[in-house]
């Protein structure tokens, strides 16, 4: 899953990888064919909450079918 990879790289020592990872997480949206309600997606979004406003984080979780 691309989101898992990007969130994992948010703490990489390489600034370029961290920057790429942050941009990837911010651009992530659930694919139309992805099952909704995946708890891992909620956990990954929570781990990257510093990249989003509260409003955007809630919206992404709602779009992914994950409870806040």
PDB file of N, CA and C in Angstrom:
ATOM      1  N   UNK A   1       0.850  -1.169   0.000  1.00  0.00           N
ATOM      2  CA  UNK A   1       0.000   0.000   0.000  1.00  0.00           C
ATOM      3  C   UNK A   1       0.904   1.243   0.000  1.00  0.00           C
ATOM      4  N   UNK A   2       0.645   2.165  -0.897  1.00  0.00           N
ATOM      5  CA  UNK A   2       1.469   3.364  -1.038  1.00  0.00           C
ATOM      6  C   UNK A   2       1.448   4.231   0.221  1.00  0.00           C
ATOM      7  N   UNK A   3       0.298   4.311   0.863  1.00  0.00           N
ATOM      8  CA  UNK A   3       0.192   5.130   2.074  1.00  0.00           C
ATOM      9  C   UNK A   3       1.110   4.575   3.164  1.00  0.00           C
ATOM     10  N   UNK A   4       1.145   3.276   3.341  1.00  0.00           N
ATOM     11  CA  UNK A   4       1.999   2.644   4.351  1.00  0.00           C
ATOM     12  C   UNK A   4       3.468   2.983   4.095  1.00  0.00           C
ATOM     13  N   UNK A   5       3.888   2.889   2.843  1.00  0.00           N
ATOM     14  CA  UNK A   5       5.275   3.175   2.484  1.00  0.00           C
ATOM     15  C   UNK A   5       5.611   4.633   2.758  1.00  0.00           C
ATOM     16  N   UNK A   6       4.743   5.529   2.331  1.00  0.00           N
ATOM     17  CA  UNK A   6       5.003   6.957   2.508  1.00  0.00           C
ATOM     18  C   UNK A   6       5.053   7.338   3.984  1.00  0.00           C
ATOM     19  N   UNK A   7       4.131   6.842   4.785  1.00  0.00           N
ATOM     20  CA  UNK A   7       4.130   7.160   6.216  1.00  0.00           C
ATOM     21  C   UNK A   7       5.398   6.605   6.869  1.00  0.00           C
ATOM     22  N   UNK A   8       5.825   5.422   6.442  1.00  0.00           N
ATOM     23  CA  UNK A   8       7.051   4.841   6.983  1.00  0.00           C
ATOM     24  C   UNK A   8       8.282   5.678   6.702  1.00  0.00           C
ATOM     25  N   UNK A   9       8.261   6.429   5.614  1.00  0.00           N
ATOM     26  CA  UNK A   9       9.413   7.254   5.250  1.00  0.00           C
ATOM     27  C   UNK A   9       9.381   8.652   5.855  1.00  0.00           C
ATOM     28  N   UNK A  10       8.350   8.984   6.599  1.00  0.00           N
ATOM     29  CA  UNK A  10       8.263  10.327   7.188  1.00  0.00           C
ATOM     30  C   UNK A  10       9.370  10.604   8.196  1.00  0.00           C
ATOM     31  N   UNK A  11       9.985   9.559   8.728  1.00  0.00           N
ATOM     32  CA  UNK A  11      11.066   9.742   9.701  1.00  0.00           C
ATOM     33  C   UNK A  11      12.416   9.308   9.148  1.00  0.00           C
ATOM     34  N   UNK A  12      12.523   9.161   7.842  1.00  0.00           N
ATOM     35  CA  UNK A  12      13.781   8.769   7.220  1.00  0.00           C
ATOM     36  C   UNK A  12      14.832   9.864   7.427  1.00  0.00           C
ATOM     37  N   UNK A  13      16.090   9.489   7.603  1.00  0.00           N
ATOM     38  CA  UNK A  13      17.137  10.509   7.780  1.00  0.00           C
ATOM     39  C   UNK A  13      17.365  11.376   6.534  1.00  0.00           C
ATOM     40  N   UNK A  14      16.981  10.897   5.375  1.00  0.00           N
ATOM     41  CA  UNK A  14      17.181  11.640   4.131  1.00  0.00           C
ATOM     42  C   UNK A  14      16.055  12.663   3.956  1.00  0.00           C
ATOM     43  N   UNK A  15      16.407  13.939   3.954  1.00  0.00           N
ATOM     44  CA  UNK A  15      15.420  15.020   3.864  1.00  0.00           C
ATOM     45  C   UNK A  15      14.605  14.935   2.574  1.00  0.00           C
ATOM     46  N   UNK A  16      15.236  14.505   1.481  1.00  0.00           N
ATOM     47  CA  UNK A  16      14.499  14.407   0.213  1.00  0.00           C
ATOM     48  C   UNK A  16      13.432  13.323   0.292  1.00  0.00           C
ATOM     49  N   UNK A  17      13.773  12.200   0.916  1.00  0.00           N
ATOM     50  CA  UNK A  17      12.776  11.140   1.071  1.00  0.00           C
ATOM     51  C   UNK A  17      11.650  11.573   1.995  1.00  0.00           C
ATOM     52  N   UNK A  18      11.999  12.269   3.083  1.00  0.00           N
ATOM     53  CA  UNK A  18      10.956  12.755   3.999  1.00  0.00           C
ATOM     54  C   UNK A  18      10.024  13.723   3.298  1.00  0.00           C
ATOM     55  N   UNK A  19      10.591  14.604   2.498  1.00  0.00           N
ATOM     56  CA  UNK A  19       9.781  15.584   1.763  1.00  0.00           C
ATOM     57  C   UNK A  19       8.864  14.871   0.771  1.00  0.00           C
ATOM     58  N   UNK A  20       9.423  13.920   0.016  1.00  0.00           N
ATOM     59  CA  UNK A  20       8.607  13.150  -0.932  1.00  0.00           C
ATOM     60  C   UNK A  20       7.495  12.424  -0.203  1.00  0.00           C
ATOM     61  N   UNK A  21       7.842  11.806   0.931  1.00  0.00           N
ATOM     62  CA  UNK A  21       6.858  11.050   1.696  1.00  0.00           C
ATOM     63  C   UNK A  21       5.728  11.956   2.177  1.00  0.00           C
ATOM     64  N   UNK A  22       6.068  13.120   2.703  1.00  0.00           N
ATOM     65  CA  UNK A  22       5.044  14.053   3.190  1.00  0.00           C
ATOM     66  C   UNK A  22       4.121  14.475   2.055  1.00  0.00           C
ATOM     67  N   UNK A  23       4.688  14.773   0.904  1.00  0.00           N
ATOM     68  CA  UNK A  23       3.862  15.165  -0.238  1.00  0.00           C
ATOM     69  C   UNK A  23       2.964  14.022  -0.695  1.00  0.00           C
ATOM     70  N   UNK A  24       3.495  12.811  -0.668  1.00  0.00           N
ATOM     71  CA  UNK A  24       2.705  11.642  -1.072  1.00  0.00           C
ATOM     72  C   UNK A  24       1.544  11.399  -0.123  1.00  0.00           C
ATOM     73  N   UNK A  25       1.795  11.528   1.167  1.00  0.00           N
ATOM     74  CA  UNK A  25       0.731  11.338   2.149  1.00  0.00           C
ATOM     75  C   UNK A  25      -0.346  12.406   1.962  1.00  0.00           C
ATOM     76  N   UNK A  26       0.071  13.635   1.752  1.00  0.00           N
ATOM     77  CA  UNK A  26      -0.902  14.721   1.593  1.00  0.00           C
ATOM     78  C   UNK A  26      -1.737  14.568   0.329  1.00  0.00           C
ATOM     79  N   UNK A  27      -1.185  13.939  -0.695  1.00  0.00           N
ATOM     80  CA  UNK A  27      -1.920  13.747  -1.958  1.00  0.00           C
ATOM     81  C   UNK A  27      -2.744  12.466  -1.961  1.00  0.00           C
ATOM     82  N   UNK A  28      -2.588  11.621  -0.949  1.00  0.00           N
ATOM     83  CA  UNK A  28      -3.249  10.319  -0.938  1.00  0.00           C
ATOM     84  C   UNK A  28      -4.765  10.453  -0.806  1.00  0.00           C
ATOM     85  N   UNK A  29      -5.447   9.682  -1.606  1.00  0.00           N
ATOM     86  CA  UNK A  29      -6.902   9.499  -1.500  1.00  0.00           C
ATOM     87  C   UNK A  29      -7.167   8.020  -1.699  1.00  0.00           C
ATOM     88  N   UNK A  30      -8.173   7.486  -1.057  1.00  0.00           N
ATOM     89  CA  UNK A  30      -8.467   6.057  -1.266  1.00  0.00           C
ATOM     90  C   UNK A  30      -8.893   5.810  -2.714  1.00  0.00           C
ATOM     91  N   UNK A  31      -8.372   4.751  -3.282  1.00  0.00           N
ATOM     92  CA  UNK A  31      -8.753   4.372  -4.651  1.00  0.00           C
ATOM     93  C   UNK A  31     -10.206   3.902  -4.647  1.00  0.00           C
ATOM     94  N   UNK A  32     -10.906   4.145  -5.741  1.00  0.00           N
ATOM     95  CA  UNK A  32     -12.321   3.750  -5.797  1.00  0.00           C
ATOM     96  C   UNK A  32     -12.547   2.257  -5.545  1.00  0.00           C
ATOM     97  N   UNK A  33     -11.579   1.426  -5.906  1.00  0.00           N
ATOM     98  CA  UNK A  33     -11.764  -0.016  -5.736  1.00  0.00           C
ATOM     99  C   UNK A  33     -11.201  -0.538  -4.408  1.00  0.00           C
ATOM    100  N   UNK A  34     -10.649   0.341  -3.572  1.00  0.00           N
ATOM    101  CA  UNK A  34     -10.144  -0.078  -2.260  1.00  0.00           C
ATOM    102  C   UNK A  34     -11.312  -0.315  -1.307  1.00  0.00           C
ATOM    103  N   UNK A  35     -11.212  -1.375  -0.508  1.00  0.00           N
ATOM    104  CA  UNK A  35     -12.267  -1.595   0.484  1.00  0.00           C
ATOM    105  C   UNK A  35     -12.273  -0.470   1.524  1.00  0.00           C
ATOM    106  N   UNK A  36     -13.445  -0.034   1.899  1.00  0.00           N
ATOM    107  CA  UNK A  36     -13.562   1.030   2.896  1.00  0.00           C
ATOM    108  C   UNK A  36     -13.495   0.434   4.298  1.00  0.00           C
ATOM    109  N   UNK A  37     -13.078   1.248   5.245  1.00  0.00           N
ATOM    110  CA  UNK A  37     -13.085   0.829   6.640  1.00  0.00           C
ATOM    111  C   UNK A  37     -11.834   0.105   7.092  1.00  0.00           C
ATOM    112  N   UNK A  38     -10.739   0.217   6.368  1.00  0.00           N
ATOM    113  CA  UNK A  38      -9.493  -0.444   6.738  1.00  0.00           C
ATOM    114  C   UNK A  38      -8.885   0.274   7.950  1.00  0.00           C
ATOM    115  N   UNK A  39      -8.815  -0.409   9.078  1.00  0.00           N
ATOM    116  CA  UNK A  39      -8.303   0.198  10.311  1.00  0.00           C
ATOM    117  C   UNK A  39      -6.862   0.664  10.158  1.00  0.00           C
ATOM    118  N   UNK A  40      -6.068  -0.041   9.347  1.00  0.00           N
ATOM    119  CA  UNK A  40      -4.673   0.365   9.143  1.00  0.00           C
ATOM    120  C   UNK A  40      -4.599   1.754   8.512  1.00  0.00           C
ATOM    121  N   UNK A  41      -5.503   2.049   7.600  1.00  0.00           N
ATOM    122  CA  UNK A  41      -5.519   3.372   6.968  1.00  0.00           C
ATOM    123  C   UNK A  41      -5.746   4.441   8.029  1.00  0.00           C
ATOM    124  N   UNK A  42      -6.665   4.212   8.942  1.00  0.00           N
ATOM    125  CA  UNK A  42      -6.911   5.163  10.022  1.00  0.00           C
ATOM    126  C   UNK A  42      -5.670   5.379  10.877  1.00  0.00           C
ATOM    127  N   UNK A  43      -4.974   4.294  11.193  1.00  0.00           N
ATOM    128  CA  UNK A  43      -3.748   4.399  11.996  1.00  0.00           C
ATOM    129  C   UNK A  43      -2.664   5.173  11.252  1.00  0.00           C
ATOM    130  N   UNK A  44      -2.532   4.901   9.956  1.00  0.00           N
ATOM    131  CA  UNK A  44      -1.518   5.603   9.159  1.00  0.00           C
ATOM    132  C   UNK A  44      -1.837   7.093   9.062  1.00  0.00           C
ATOM    133  N   UNK A  45      -3.102   7.414   8.864  1.00  0.00           N
ATOM    134  CA  UNK A  45      -3.479   8.826   8.806  1.00  0.00           C
ATOM    135  C   UNK A  45      -3.243   9.499  10.159  1.00  0.00           C
ATOM    136  N   UNK A  46      -3.514   8.798  11.243  1.00  0.00           N
ATOM    137  CA  UNK A  46      -3.245   9.360  12.566  1.00  0.00           C
ATOM    138  C   UNK A  46      -1.749   9.610  12.773  1.00  0.00           C
ATOM    139  N   UNK A  47      -0.923   8.699  12.291  1.00  0.00           N
ATOM    140  CA  UNK A  47       0.533   8.883  12.427  1.00  0.00           C
ATOM    141  C   UNK A  47       1.033  10.084  11.634  1.00  0.00           C
ATOM    142  N   UNK A  48       0.298  10.469  10.614  1.00  0.00           N
ATOM    143  CA  UNK A  48       0.728  11.599   9.776  1.00  0.00           C
ATOM    144  C   UNK A  48      -0.160  12.828   9.982  1.00  0.00           C
ATOM    145  N   UNK A  49      -0.865  12.876  11.104  1.00  0.00           N
ATOM    146  CA  UNK A  49      -1.813  13.972  11.357  1.00  0.00           C
ATOM    147  C   UNK A  49      -1.158  15.353  11.328  1.00  0.00           C
ATOM    148  N   UNK A  50       0.144  15.428  11.611  1.00  0.00           N
ATOM    149  CA  UNK A  50       0.838  16.718  11.597  1.00  0.00           C
ATOM    150  C   UNK A  50       0.890  17.343  10.197  1.00  0.00           C
ATOM    151  N   UNK A  51       0.571  16.564   9.177  1.00  0.00           N
ATOM    152  CA  UNK A  51       0.594  17.066   7.801  1.00  0.00           C
ATOM    153  C   UNK A  51      -0.738  17.658   7.358  1.00  0.00           C
ATOM    154  N   UNK A  52      -1.776  17.493   8.176  1.00  0.00           N
ATOM    155  CA  UNK A  52      -3.128  17.895   7.796  1.00  0.00           C
ATOM    156  C   UNK A  52      -3.745  18.825   8.834  1.00  0.00           C
ATOM    157  N   UNK A  53      -4.660  19.652   8.374  1.00  0.00           N
ATOM    158  CA  UNK A  53      -5.504  20.361   9.324  1.00  0.00           C
ATOM    159  C   UNK A  53      -6.487  19.338   9.888  1.00  0.00           C
ATOM    160  N   UNK A  54      -7.128  19.657  11.003  1.00  0.00           N
ATOM    161  CA  UNK A  54      -8.107  18.738  11.589  1.00  0.00           C
ATOM    162  C   UNK A  54      -9.229  18.436  10.603  1.00  0.00           C
ATOM    163  N   UNK A  55      -9.666  19.472   9.889  1.00  0.00           N
ATOM    164  CA  UNK A  55     -10.753  19.310   8.925  1.00  0.00           C
ATOM    165  C   UNK A  55     -10.365  18.327   7.816  1.00  0.00           C
ATOM    166  N   UNK A  56      -9.196  18.505   7.251  1.00  0.00           N
ATOM    167  CA  UNK A  56      -8.759  17.643   6.149  1.00  0.00           C
ATOM    168  C   UNK A  56      -8.552  16.212   6.641  1.00  0.00           C
ATOM    169  N   UNK A  57      -7.992  16.043   7.827  1.00  0.00           N
ATOM    170  CA  UNK A  57      -7.792  14.699   8.370  1.00  0.00           C
ATOM    171  C   UNK A  57      -9.138  13.989   8.548  1.00  0.00           C
ATOM    172  N   UNK A  58     -10.117  14.673   9.113  1.00  0.00           N
ATOM    173  CA  UNK A  58     -11.442  14.072   9.277  1.00  0.00           C
ATOM    174  C   UNK A  58     -12.055  13.696   7.926  1.00  0.00           C
ATOM    175  N   UNK A  59     -11.882  14.564   6.941  1.00  0.00           N
ATOM    176  CA  UNK A  59     -12.436  14.298   5.611  1.00  0.00           C
ATOM    177  C   UNK A  59     -11.772  13.077   4.977  1.00  0.00           C
ATOM    178  N   UNK A  60     -10.440  12.985   5.067  1.00  0.00           N
ATOM    179  CA  UNK A  60      -9.746  11.821   4.491  1.00  0.00           C
ATOM    180  C   UNK A  60     -10.200  10.534   5.161  1.00  0.00           C
ATOM    181  N   UNK A  61     -10.339  10.574   6.478  1.00  0.00           N
ATOM    182  CA  UNK A  61     -10.784   9.377   7.191  1.00  0.00           C
ATOM    183  C   UNK A  61     -12.213   9.014   6.790  1.00  0.00           C
ATOM    184  N   UNK A  62     -13.058  10.000   6.653  1.00  0.00           N
ATOM    185  CA  UNK A  62     -14.441   9.743   6.236  1.00  0.00           C
ATOM    186  C   UNK A  62     -14.463   9.136   4.831  1.00  0.00           C
ATOM    187  N   UNK A  63     -13.644   9.678   3.919  1.00  0.00           N
ATOM    188  CA  UNK A  63     -13.581   9.159   2.548  1.00  0.00           C
ATOM    189  C   UNK A  63     -13.090   7.714   2.533  1.00  0.00           C
ATOM    190  N   UNK A  64     -12.221   7.373   3.488  1.00  0.00           N
ATOM    191  CA  UNK A  64     -11.686   6.004   3.568  1.00  0.00           C
ATOM    192  C   UNK A  64     -12.604   5.085   4.371  1.00  0.00           C
ATOM    193  N   UNK A  65     -13.670   5.642   4.931  1.00  0.00           N
ATOM    194  CA  UNK A  65     -14.605   4.840   5.720  1.00  0.00           C
ATOM    195  C   UNK A  65     -14.064   4.443   7.073  1.00  0.00           C
ATOM    196  N   UNK A  66     -13.184   5.286   7.618  1.00  0.00           N
ATOM    197  CA  UNK A  66     -12.550   5.002   8.896  1.00  0.00           C
ATOM    198  C   UNK A  66     -13.124   5.951   9.944  1.00  0.00           C
ATOM    199  N   UNK A  67     -13.526   5.416  11.070  1.00  0.00           N
ATOM    200  CA  UNK A  67     -14.023   6.251  12.164  1.00  0.00           C
ATOM    201  C   UNK A  67     -12.879   7.027  12.780  1.00  0.00           C
ATOM    202  N   UNK A  68     -13.166   8.224  13.217  1.00  0.00           N
ATOM    203  CA  UNK A  68     -12.129   9.071  13.818  1.00  0.00           C
ATOM    204  C   UNK A  68     -11.746   8.606  15.194  1.00  0.00           C
TER     205      UNK A  68
END
